[in-house]
PDB file of N, CA and C in Angstrom:
ATOM      1  N   UNK A   1     -18.385 -19.212 -54.308  1.00  0.00           N
ATOM      2  CA  UNK A   1     -16.992 -19.116 -53.919  1.00  0.00           C
ATOM      3  C   UNK A   1     -16.702 -17.736 -53.297  1.00  0.00           C
ATOM      4  N   UNK A   2     -17.115 -16.691 -53.967  1.00  0.00           N
ATOM      5  CA  UNK A   2     -16.900 -15.332 -53.421  1.00  0.00           C
ATOM      6  C   UNK A   2     -17.667 -15.150 -52.141  1.00  0.00           C
ATOM      7  N   UNK A   3     -18.885 -15.719 -52.111  1.00  0.00           N
ATOM      8  CA  UNK A   3     -19.703 -15.641 -50.915  1.00  0.00           C
ATOM      9  C   UNK A   3     -18.956 -16.259 -49.710  1.00  0.00           C
ATOM     10  N   UNK A   4     -18.331 -17.380 -49.918  1.00  0.00           N
ATOM     11  CA  UNK A   4     -17.558 -18.020 -48.852  1.00  0.00           C
ATOM     12  C   UNK A   4     -16.349 -17.205 -48.423  1.00  0.00           C
ATOM     13  N   UNK A   5     -15.699 -16.533 -49.343  1.00  0.00           N
ATOM     14  CA  UNK A   5     -14.544 -15.712 -49.021  1.00  0.00           C
ATOM     15  C   UNK A   5     -14.918 -14.511 -48.134  1.00  0.00           C
ATOM     16  N   UNK A   6     -16.140 -14.044 -48.281  1.00  0.00           N
ATOM     17  CA  UNK A   6     -16.560 -12.858 -47.548  1.00  0.00           C
ATOM     18  C   UNK A   6     -17.318 -13.212 -46.284  1.00  0.00           C
ATOM     19  N   UNK A   7     -18.273 -14.101 -46.366  1.00  0.00           N
ATOM     20  CA  UNK A   7     -19.212 -14.316 -45.280  1.00  0.00           C
ATOM     21  C   UNK A   7     -19.036 -15.631 -44.502  1.00  0.00           C
ATOM     22  N   UNK A   8     -18.081 -16.453 -44.814  1.00  0.00           N
ATOM     23  CA  UNK A   8     -17.944 -17.714 -44.097  1.00  0.00           C
ATOM     24  C   UNK A   8     -17.304 -17.471 -42.709  1.00  0.00           C
ATOM     25  N   UNK A   9     -17.149 -18.556 -41.961  1.00  0.00           N
ATOM     26  CA  UNK A   9     -16.552 -18.470 -40.624  1.00  0.00           C
ATOM     27  C   UNK A   9     -15.106 -18.068 -40.668  1.00  0.00           C
ATOM     28  N   UNK A  10     -14.476 -18.184 -41.810  1.00  0.00           N
ATOM     29  CA  UNK A  10     -13.084 -17.778 -41.975  1.00  0.00           C
ATOM     30  C   UNK A  10     -12.974 -16.708 -43.058  1.00  0.00           C
ATOM     31  N   UNK A  11     -14.029 -15.971 -43.271  1.00  0.00           N
ATOM     32  CA  UNK A  11     -14.072 -14.988 -44.345  1.00  0.00           C
ATOM     33  C   UNK A  11     -13.476 -13.638 -43.968  1.00  0.00           C
ATOM     34  N   UNK A  12     -13.670 -12.706 -44.859  1.00  0.00           N
ATOM     35  CA  UNK A  12     -13.091 -11.381 -44.739  1.00  0.00           C
ATOM     36  C   UNK A  12     -13.557 -10.636 -43.495  1.00  0.00           C
ATOM     37  N   UNK A  13     -14.861 -10.666 -43.204  1.00  0.00           N
ATOM     38  CA  UNK A  13     -15.386  -9.931 -42.062  1.00  0.00           C
ATOM     39  C   UNK A  13     -14.888 -10.476 -40.740  1.00  0.00           C
ATOM     40  N   UNK A  14     -14.771 -11.769 -40.656  1.00  0.00           N
ATOM     41  CA  UNK A  14     -14.231 -12.402 -39.451  1.00  0.00           C
ATOM     42  C   UNK A  14     -12.764 -12.037 -39.299  1.00  0.00           C
ATOM     43  N   UNK A  15     -12.025 -12.051 -40.398  1.00  0.00           N
ATOM     44  CA  UNK A  15     -10.625 -11.667 -40.387  1.00  0.00           C
ATOM     45  C   UNK A  15     -10.462 -10.229 -39.900  1.00  0.00           C
ATOM     46  N   UNK A  16     -11.281  -9.304 -40.399  1.00  0.00           N
ATOM     47  CA  UNK A  16     -11.214  -7.895 -39.991  1.00  0.00           C
ATOM     48  C   UNK A  16     -11.513  -7.748 -38.523  1.00  0.00           C
ATOM     49  N   UNK A  17     -12.524  -8.446 -38.043  1.00  0.00           N
ATOM     50  CA  UNK A  17     -12.875  -8.364 -36.623  1.00  0.00           C
ATOM     51  C   UNK A  17     -11.747  -8.887 -35.740  1.00  0.00           C
ATOM     52  N   UNK A  18     -11.150  -9.982 -36.140  1.00  0.00           N
ATOM     53  CA  UNK A  18     -10.029 -10.529 -35.354  1.00  0.00           C
ATOM     54  C   UNK A  18      -8.809  -9.619 -35.396  1.00  0.00           C
ATOM     55  N   UNK A  19      -8.579  -8.963 -36.491  1.00  0.00           N
ATOM     56  CA  UNK A  19      -7.465  -8.015 -36.584  1.00  0.00           C
ATOM     57  C   UNK A  19      -7.707  -6.835 -35.630  1.00  0.00           C
ATOM     58  N   UNK A  20      -8.928  -6.327 -35.582  1.00  0.00           N
ATOM     59  CA  UNK A  20      -9.240  -5.228 -34.653  1.00  0.00           C
ATOM     60  C   UNK A  20      -9.077  -5.674 -33.192  1.00  0.00           C
ATOM     61  N   UNK A  21      -9.482  -6.871 -32.900  1.00  0.00           N
ATOM     62  CA  UNK A  21      -9.287  -7.393 -31.547  1.00  0.00           C
ATOM     63  C   UNK A  21      -7.800  -7.511 -31.195  1.00  0.00           C
ATOM     64  N   UNK A  22      -7.010  -7.968 -32.141  1.00  0.00           N
ATOM     65  CA  UNK A  22      -5.582  -8.084 -31.913  1.00  0.00           C
ATOM     66  C   UNK A  22      -4.951  -6.724 -31.644  1.00  0.00           C
ATOM     67  N   UNK A  23      -5.320  -5.724 -32.414  1.00  0.00           N
ATOM     68  CA  UNK A  23      -4.782  -4.379 -32.189  1.00  0.00           C
ATOM     69  C   UNK A  23      -5.217  -3.824 -30.828  1.00  0.00           C
ATOM     70  N   UNK A  24      -6.467  -4.069 -30.442  1.00  0.00           N
ATOM     71  CA  UNK A  24      -6.931  -3.630 -29.136  1.00  0.00           C
ATOM     72  C   UNK A  24      -6.131  -4.300 -28.007  1.00  0.00           C
ATOM     73  N   UNK A  25      -5.926  -5.583 -28.163  1.00  0.00           N
ATOM     74  CA  UNK A  25      -5.181  -6.322 -27.126  1.00  0.00           C
ATOM     75  C   UNK A  25      -3.713  -5.882 -27.066  1.00  0.00           C
ATOM     76  N   UNK A  26      -3.122  -5.557 -28.209  1.00  0.00           N
ATOM     77  CA  UNK A  26      -1.741  -5.075 -28.210  1.00  0.00           C
ATOM     78  C   UNK A  26      -1.645  -3.717 -27.509  1.00  0.00           C
ATOM     79  N   UNK A  27      -2.631  -2.862 -27.702  1.00  0.00           N
ATOM     80  CA  UNK A  27      -2.641  -1.567 -27.012  1.00  0.00           C
ATOM     81  C   UNK A  27      -2.790  -1.777 -25.510  1.00  0.00           C
ATOM     82  N   UNK A  28      -3.630  -2.703 -25.112  1.00  0.00           N
ATOM     83  CA  UNK A  28      -3.824  -3.000 -23.707  1.00  0.00           C
ATOM     84  C   UNK A  28      -2.523  -3.545 -23.098  1.00  0.00           C
ATOM     85  N   UNK A  29      -1.819  -4.390 -23.836  1.00  0.00           N
ATOM     86  CA  UNK A  29      -0.524  -4.912 -23.355  1.00  0.00           C
ATOM     87  C   UNK A  29       0.469  -3.777 -23.174  1.00  0.00           C
ATOM     88  N   UNK A  30       0.525  -2.845 -24.115  1.00  0.00           N
ATOM     89  CA  UNK A  30       1.431  -1.701 -23.982  1.00  0.00           C
ATOM     90  C   UNK A  30       1.094  -0.885 -22.734  1.00  0.00           C
ATOM     91  N   UNK A  31      -0.204  -0.633 -22.516  1.00  0.00           N
ATOM     92  CA  UNK A  31      -0.635   0.151 -21.382  1.00  0.00           C
ATOM     93  C   UNK A  31      -0.265  -0.554 -20.077  1.00  0.00           C
ATOM     94  N   UNK A  32      -0.488  -1.853 -20.018  1.00  0.00           N
ATOM     95  CA  UNK A  32      -0.159  -2.612 -18.808  1.00  0.00           C
ATOM     96  C   UNK A  32       1.333  -2.684 -18.552  1.00  0.00           C
ATOM     97  N   UNK A  33       2.124  -2.775 -19.599  1.00  0.00           N
ATOM     98  CA  UNK A  33       3.605  -2.792 -19.419  1.00  0.00           C
ATOM     99  C   UNK A  33       4.087  -1.445 -18.895  1.00  0.00           C
ATOM    100  N   UNK A  34       3.513  -0.358 -19.398  1.00  0.00           N
ATOM    101  CA  UNK A  34       3.871   0.970 -18.899  1.00  0.00           C
ATOM    102  C   UNK A  34       3.479   1.118 -17.437  1.00  0.00           C
ATOM    103  N   UNK A  35       2.307   0.620 -17.080  1.00  0.00           N
ATOM    104  CA  UNK A  35       1.860   0.682 -15.682  1.00  0.00           C
ATOM    105  C   UNK A  35       2.776  -0.165 -14.792  1.00  0.00           C
ATOM    106  N   UNK A  36       3.193  -1.316 -15.289  1.00  0.00           N
ATOM    107  CA  UNK A  36       4.097  -2.195 -14.539  1.00  0.00           C
ATOM    108  C   UNK A  36       5.435  -1.471 -14.298  1.00  0.00           C
ATOM    109  N   UNK A  37       5.962  -0.823 -15.330  1.00  0.00           N
ATOM    110  CA  UNK A  37       7.225  -0.108 -15.180  1.00  0.00           C
ATOM    111  C   UNK A  37       7.089   1.030 -14.169  1.00  0.00           C
ATOM    112  N   UNK A  38       5.960   1.751 -14.217  1.00  0.00           N
ATOM    113  CA  UNK A  38       5.737   2.846 -13.277  1.00  0.00           C
ATOM    114  C   UNK A  38       5.657   2.313 -11.851  1.00  0.00           C
ATOM    115  N   UNK A  39       4.977   1.213 -11.653  1.00  0.00           N
ATOM    116  CA  UNK A  39       4.848   0.637 -10.316  1.00  0.00           C
ATOM    117  C   UNK A  39       6.191   0.108  -9.797  1.00  0.00           C
ATOM    118  N   UNK A  40       6.992  -0.472 -10.691  1.00  0.00           N
ATOM    119  CA  UNK A  40       8.320  -0.939 -10.270  1.00  0.00           C
ATOM    120  C   UNK A  40       9.189   0.226  -9.803  1.00  0.00           C
ATOM    121  N   UNK A  41       9.122   1.345 -10.536  1.00  0.00           N
ATOM    122  CA  UNK A  41       9.880   2.536 -10.141  1.00  0.00           C
ATOM    123  C   UNK A  41       9.396   3.060  -8.795  1.00  0.00           C
ATOM    124  N   UNK A  42       8.102   3.041  -8.584  1.00  0.00           N
ATOM    125  CA  UNK A  42       7.556   3.506  -7.314  1.00  0.00           C
ATOM    126  C   UNK A  42       8.003   2.609  -6.161  1.00  0.00           C
ATOM    127  N   UNK A  43       8.032   1.318  -6.376  1.00  0.00           N
ATOM    128  CA  UNK A  43       8.484   0.378  -5.346  1.00  0.00           C
ATOM    129  C   UNK A  43       9.937   0.646  -5.001  1.00  0.00           C
ATOM    130  N   UNK A  44      10.764   0.854  -6.007  1.00  0.00           N
ATOM    131  CA  UNK A  44      12.183   1.148  -5.751  1.00  0.00           C
ATOM    132  C   UNK A  44      12.338   2.441  -4.965  1.00  0.00           C
ATOM    133  N   UNK A  45      11.589   3.484  -5.345  1.00  0.00           N
ATOM    134  CA  UNK A  45      11.659   4.740  -4.606  1.00  0.00           C
ATOM    135  C   UNK A  45      11.205   4.575  -3.157  1.00  0.00           C
ATOM    136  N   UNK A  46      10.153   3.804  -2.949  1.00  0.00           N
ATOM    137  CA  UNK A  46       9.659   3.600  -1.576  1.00  0.00           C
ATOM    138  C   UNK A  46      10.665   2.815  -0.733  1.00  0.00           C
ATOM    139  N   UNK A  47      11.376   1.879  -1.345  1.00  0.00           N
ATOM    140  CA  UNK A  47      12.363   1.087  -0.593  1.00  0.00           C
ATOM    141  C   UNK A  47      13.630   1.886  -0.282  1.00  0.00           C
ATOM    142  N   UNK A  48      14.025   2.781  -1.199  1.00  0.00           N
ATOM    143  CA  UNK A  48      15.324   3.433  -1.074  1.00  0.00           C
ATOM    144  C   UNK A  48      15.285   4.875  -0.571  1.00  0.00           C
ATOM    145  N   UNK A  49      14.160   5.543  -0.711  1.00  0.00           N
ATOM    146  CA  UNK A  49      14.093   6.950  -0.333  1.00  0.00           C
ATOM    147  C   UNK A  49      13.130   7.152   0.823  1.00  0.00           C
ATOM    148  N   UNK A  50      13.667   7.456   2.014  1.00  0.00           N
ATOM    149  CA  UNK A  50      12.804   7.623   3.174  1.00  0.00           C
ATOM    150  C   UNK A  50      11.833   8.808   3.029  1.00  0.00           C
ATOM    151  N   UNK A  51      12.247   9.844   2.340  1.00  0.00           N
ATOM    152  CA  UNK A  51      11.351  11.009   2.157  1.00  0.00           C
ATOM    153  C   UNK A  51      10.130  10.646   1.319  1.00  0.00           C
ATOM    154  N   UNK A  52      10.321   9.811   0.308  1.00  0.00           N
ATOM    155  CA  UNK A  52       9.182   9.368  -0.502  1.00  0.00           C
ATOM    156  C   UNK A  52       8.242   8.534   0.331  1.00  0.00           C
ATOM    157  N   UNK A  53       8.812   7.650   1.146  1.00  0.00           N
ATOM    158  CA  UNK A  53       7.995   6.827   2.022  1.00  0.00           C
ATOM    159  C   UNK A  53       7.208   7.688   3.006  1.00  0.00           C
ATOM    160  N   UNK A  54       7.874   8.672   3.588  1.00  0.00           N
ATOM    161  CA  UNK A  54       7.194   9.569   4.514  1.00  0.00           C
ATOM    162  C   UNK A  54       6.058  10.324   3.837  1.00  0.00           C
ATOM    163  N   UNK A  55       6.300  10.777   2.635  1.00  0.00           N
ATOM    164  CA  UNK A  55       5.261  11.521   1.889  1.00  0.00           C
ATOM    165  C   UNK A  55       4.018  10.652   1.660  1.00  0.00           C
ATOM    166  N   UNK A  56       4.238   9.402   1.252  1.00  0.00           N
ATOM    167  CA  UNK A  56       3.108   8.501   1.023  1.00  0.00           C
ATOM    168  C   UNK A  56       2.367   8.205   2.319  1.00  0.00           C
ATOM    169  N   UNK A  57       3.096   7.982   3.398  1.00  0.00           N
ATOM    170  CA  UNK A  57       2.468   7.714   4.683  1.00  0.00           C
ATOM    171  C   UNK A  57       1.619   8.883   5.130  1.00  0.00           C
ATOM    172  N   UNK A  58       2.175  10.088   4.988  1.00  0.00           N
ATOM    173  CA  UNK A  58       1.435  11.275   5.422  1.00  0.00           C
ATOM    174  C   UNK A  58       0.220  11.502   4.536  1.00  0.00           C
ATOM    175  N   UNK A  59       0.359  11.309   3.227  1.00  0.00           N
ATOM    176  CA  UNK A  59      -0.748  11.565   2.316  1.00  0.00           C
ATOM    177  C   UNK A  59      -1.844  10.489   2.426  1.00  0.00           C
ATOM    178  N   UNK A  60      -1.421   9.221   2.398  1.00  0.00           N
ATOM    179  CA  UNK A  60      -2.397   8.133   2.335  1.00  0.00           C
ATOM    180  C   UNK A  60      -2.989   7.806   3.704  1.00  0.00           C
ATOM    181  N   UNK A  61      -2.183   7.847   4.734  1.00  0.00           N
ATOM    182  CA  UNK A  61      -2.662   7.447   6.060  1.00  0.00           C
ATOM    183  C   UNK A  61      -2.988   8.606   6.959  1.00  0.00           C
ATOM    184  N   UNK A  62      -2.635   9.815   6.554  1.00  0.00           N
ATOM    185  CA  UNK A  62      -2.991  11.000   7.333  1.00  0.00           C
ATOM    186  C   UNK A  62      -2.125  11.207   8.578  1.00  0.00           C
ATOM    187  N   UNK A  63      -0.920  10.673   8.587  1.00  0.00           N
ATOM    188  CA  UNK A  63      -0.042  10.852   9.730  1.00  0.00           C
ATOM    189  C   UNK A  63       0.471  12.288   9.780  1.00  0.00           C
ATOM    190  N   UNK A  64       0.597  12.820  10.987  1.00  0.00           N
ATOM    191  CA  UNK A  64       1.164  14.149  11.203  1.00  0.00           C
ATOM    192  C   UNK A  64       2.092  14.054  12.421  1.00  0.00           C
ATOM    193  N   UNK A  65       3.025  15.000  12.492  1.00  0.00           N
ATOM    194  CA  UNK A  65       3.880  15.089  13.677  1.00  0.00           C
ATOM    195  C   UNK A  65       3.085  15.686  14.823  1.00  0.00           C
ATOM    196  N   UNK A  66       3.527  15.443  16.060  1.00  0.00           N
ATOM    197  CA  UNK A  66       2.753  15.944  17.218  1.00  0.00           C
ATOM    198  C   UNK A  66       2.555  17.455  17.210  1.00  0.00           C
ATOM    199  N   UNK A  67       3.477  18.219  16.623  1.00  0.00           N
ATOM    200  CA  UNK A  67       3.326  19.677  16.624  1.00  0.00           C
ATOM    201  C   UNK A  67       2.646  20.214  15.362  1.00  0.00           C
ATOM    202  N   UNK A  68       2.030  19.355  14.573  1.00  0.00           N
ATOM    203  CA  UNK A  68       1.385  19.779  13.345  1.00  0.00           C
ATOM    204  C   UNK A  68      -0.144  19.629  13.470  1.00  0.00           C
ATOM    205  N   UNK A  69      -0.833  20.369  12.615  1.00  0.00           N
ATOM    206  CA  UNK A  69      -2.284  20.267  12.503  1.00  0.00           C
ATOM    207  C   UNK A  69      -2.632  19.857  11.085  1.00  0.00           C
ATOM    208  N   UNK A  70      -3.660  19.032  10.975  1.00  0.00           N
ATOM    209  CA  UNK A  70      -4.099  18.600   9.663  1.00  0.00           C
ATOM    210  C   UNK A  70      -5.367  19.351   9.287  1.00  0.00           C
ATOM    211  N   UNK A  71      -5.362  19.937   8.109  1.00  0.00           N
ATOM    212  CA  UNK A  71      -6.514  20.634   7.595  1.00  0.00           C
ATOM    213  C   UNK A  71      -7.083  19.807   6.461  1.00  0.00           C
ATOM    214  N   UNK A  72      -8.315  19.342   6.639  1.00  0.00           N
ATOM    215  CA  UNK A  72      -8.943  18.503   5.648  1.00  0.00           C
ATOM    216  C   UNK A  72      -9.932  19.349   4.868  1.00  0.00           C
ATOM    217  N   UNK A  73      -9.670  19.458   3.554  1.00  0.00           N
ATOM    218  CA  UNK A  73     -10.518  20.261   2.690  1.00  0.00           C
ATOM    219  C   UNK A  73     -11.447  19.333   1.904  1.00  0.00           C
ATOM    220  N   UNK A  74     -12.699  19.773   1.661  1.00  0.00           N
ATOM    221  CA  UNK A  74     -13.594  18.942   0.835  1.00  0.00           C
ATOM    222  C   UNK A  74     -13.114  18.914  -0.597  1.00  0.00           C
ATOM    223  N   UNK A  75     -13.451  17.843  -1.273  1.00  0.00           N
ATOM    224  CA  UNK A  75     -13.058  17.726  -2.677  1.00  0.00           C
ATOM    225  C   UNK A  75     -13.867  18.727  -3.498  1.00  0.00           C
ATOM    226  N   UNK A  76     -13.368  19.050  -4.666  1.00  0.00           N
ATOM    227  CA  UNK A  76     -13.990  20.057  -5.514  1.00  0.00           C
ATOM    228  C   UNK A  76     -15.392  19.648  -5.963  1.00  0.00           C
ATOM    229  N   UNK A  77     -15.637  18.365  -6.125  1.00  0.00           N
ATOM    230  CA  UNK A  77     -16.949  17.932  -6.610  1.00  0.00           C
ATOM    231  C   UNK A  77     -17.991  17.814  -5.509  1.00  0.00           C
ATOM    232  N   UNK A  78     -17.577  17.963  -4.241  1.00  0.00           N
ATOM    233  CA  UNK A  78     -18.514  17.915  -3.141  1.00  0.00           C
ATOM    234  C   UNK A  78     -19.077  19.319  -2.874  1.00  0.00           C
ATOM    235  N   UNK A  79     -20.372  19.382  -2.693  1.00  0.00           N
ATOM    236  CA  UNK A  79     -20.989  20.668  -2.409  1.00  0.00           C
ATOM    237  C   UNK A  79     -21.028  20.880  -0.903  1.00  0.00           C
ATOM    238  N   UNK A  80     -20.666  22.099  -0.518  1.00  0.00           N
ATOM    239  CA  UNK A  80     -20.655  22.465   0.887  1.00  0.00           C
ATOM    240  C   UNK A  80     -21.566  23.682   1.053  1.00  0.00           C
ATOM    241  N   UNK A  81     -22.446  23.612   2.041  1.00  0.00           N
ATOM    242  CA  UNK A  81     -23.293  24.763   2.310  1.00  0.00           C
ATOM    243  C   UNK A  81     -22.440  25.911   2.874  1.00  0.00           C
ATOM    244  N   UNK A  82     -22.567  27.097   2.280  1.00  0.00           N
ATOM    245  CA  UNK A  82     -21.794  28.246   2.720  1.00  0.00           C
ATOM    246  C   UNK A  82     -22.263  28.705   4.103  1.00  0.00           C
ATOM    247  N   UNK A  83     -23.540  28.682   4.323  1.00  0.00           N
ATOM    248  CA  UNK A  83     -24.075  29.081   5.623  1.00  0.00           C
ATOM    249  C   UNK A  83     -25.208  28.107   5.975  1.00  0.00           C
ATOM    250  N   UNK A  84     -25.310  27.749   7.244  1.00  0.00           N
ATOM    251  CA  UNK A  84     -26.403  26.859   7.628  1.00  0.00           C
ATOM    252  C   UNK A  84     -27.741  27.544   7.428  1.00  0.00           C
ATOM    253  N   UNK A  85     -28.731  26.781   7.085  1.00  0.00           N
ATOM    254  CA  UNK A  85     -30.055  27.337   6.863  1.00  0.00           C
ATOM    255  C   UNK A  85     -30.635  27.806   8.202  1.00  0.00           C
ATOM    256  N   UNK A  86     -31.299  28.942   8.152  1.00  0.00           N
ATOM    257  CA  UNK A  86     -31.889  29.497   9.356  1.00  0.00           C
ATOM    258  C   UNK A  86     -33.061  28.612   9.780  1.00  0.00           C
ATOM    259  N   UNK A  87     -33.199  28.465  11.090  1.00  0.00           N
ATOM    260  CA  UNK A  87     -34.298  27.654  11.592  1.00  0.00           C
ATOM    261  C   UNK A  87     -35.592  28.386  11.369  1.00  0.00           C
ATOM    262  N   UNK A  88     -36.625  27.674  11.082  1.00  0.00           N
ATOM    263  CA  UNK A  88     -37.942  28.250  10.887  1.00  0.00           C
ATOM    264  C   UNK A  88     -38.524  28.716  12.200  1.00  0.00           C
ATOM    265  N   UNK A  89     -39.106  29.915  12.176  1.00  0.00           N
ATOM    266  CA  UNK A  89     -39.731  30.427  13.381  1.00  0.00           C
ATOM    267  C   UNK A  89     -41.160  29.921  13.431  1.00  0.00           C
ATOM    268  N   UNK A  90     -41.570  29.506  14.580  1.00  0.00           N
ATOM    269  CA  UNK A  90     -42.937  28.986  14.698  1.00  0.00           C
ATOM    270  C   UNK A  90     -43.856  30.020  15.261  1.00  0.00           C
TER     271      UNK A  90
END
Protein backbone atom coordinates (compact mmCIF):
# COMPACT_ATOMS: atom_id res chain seq x y z
CA UNK A 1 0.00 0.00 0.00
CA UNK A 2 2.72 2.48 0.93
CA UNK A 3 4.70 1.38 -2.10
CA UNK A 4 1.75 2.31 -4.32
CA UNK A 5 1.36 5.71 -2.64
CA UNK A 6 4.97 6.59 -3.42
CA UNK A 7 5.97 4.81 -6.61
CA UNK A 8 2.77 4.18 -8.60
CA UNK A 9 1.69 6.13 -11.69
CA UNK A 10 -0.32 8.40 -9.42
CA UNK A 11 2.11 8.38 -6.50
CA UNK A 12 4.00 11.04 -4.63
CA UNK A 13 6.93 11.38 -7.06
CA UNK A 14 4.65 11.81 -10.05
CA UNK A 15 2.63 14.37 -8.11
CA UNK A 16 5.80 16.33 -7.24
CA UNK A 17 6.98 16.27 -10.85
CA UNK A 18 3.61 17.52 -12.11
CA UNK A 19 3.56 20.27 -9.50
CA UNK A 20 7.01 21.46 -10.67
CA UNK A 21 5.82 21.43 -14.27
CA UNK A 22 2.76 23.46 -13.33
CA UNK A 23 4.89 26.08 -11.56
CA UNK A 24 7.23 26.28 -14.55
CA UNK A 25 4.31 26.75 -16.93
CA UNK A 26 2.76 29.43 -14.71
CA UNK A 27 6.05 31.35 -14.74
CA UNK A 28 6.19 31.05 -18.53
CA UNK A 29 2.61 32.36 -18.76
CA UNK A 30 3.54 35.36 -16.60
CA UNK A 31 6.58 36.08 -18.77
CA UNK A 32 4.55 35.83 -21.98
CA UNK A 33 1.80 38.10 -20.62
CA UNK A 34 4.40 40.72 -19.67
CA UNK A 35 5.91 40.46 -23.16
CA UNK A 36 2.45 40.81 -24.70
CA UNK A 37 1.76 43.95 -22.65
CA UNK A 38 5.14 45.43 -23.66
CA UNK A 39 4.47 44.73 -27.34
CA UNK A 40 0.98 46.24 -27.14
CA UNK A 41 2.45 49.42 -25.66
CA UNK A 42 5.06 49.53 -28.40
CA UNK A 43 2.38 49.15 -31.09
CA UNK A 44 0.38 52.00 -29.59
CA UNK A 45 3.48 54.23 -29.45
CA UNK A 46 4.35 53.41 -33.07
CA UNK A 47 0.82 54.22 -34.24
CA UNK A 48 0.44 57.46 -32.28
CA UNK A 49 3.92 58.97 -31.97
CA UNK A 50 5.68 59.92 -35.22
CA UNK A 51 9.00 60.48 -33.41
CA UNK A 52 8.99 56.91 -32.08
CA UNK A 53 8.23 55.61 -35.56
CA UNK A 54 11.05 57.70 -37.03
CA UNK A 55 13.48 56.42 -34.38
CA UNK A 56 12.65 52.79 -35.18
CA UNK A 57 12.93 53.37 -38.93
CA UNK A 58 16.30 55.06 -38.54
CA UNK A 59 17.64 52.43 -36.14
CA UNK A 60 16.28 49.28 -37.77
CA UNK A 61 16.36 50.22 -41.45
CA UNK A 62 19.32 52.60 -41.40
CA UNK A 63 17.49 55.55 -42.94
CA UNK A 64 19.22 58.94 -42.81
CA UNK A 65 18.35 62.39 -44.08
CA UNK A 66 20.14 63.56 -47.24
CA UNK A 67 22.40 65.92 -45.25
CA UNK A 68 23.41 63.26 -42.69
CA UNK A 69 26.16 60.66 -42.60
CA UNK A 70 25.85 57.24 -41.04
CA UNK A 71 28.74 55.92 -38.99
CA UNK A 72 28.61 52.16 -38.56
CA UNK A 73 30.63 50.88 -35.61
CA UNK A 74 31.55 47.21 -35.13
CA UNK A 75 29.90 45.42 -32.25
CA UNK A 76 31.90 44.98 -29.06
CA UNK A 77 32.24 41.22 -29.52
CA UNK A 78 33.69 41.54 -33.03
CA UNK A 79 37.46 41.73 -33.27
CA UNK A 80 38.90 44.37 -35.54
CA UNK A 81 42.52 44.48 -36.60
CA UNK A 82 44.07 47.73 -35.39
CA UNK A 83 46.56 47.82 -38.24
CA UNK A 84 46.75 45.72 -41.38
CA UNK A 85 49.50 43.15 -41.36
CA UNK A 86 52.59 44.15 -43.27
CA UNK A 87 53.15 42.32 -46.51
CA UNK A 88 55.97 39.83 -46.49
CA UNK A 89 59.05 40.89 -48.38
CA UNK A 90 60.33 38.35 -50.83
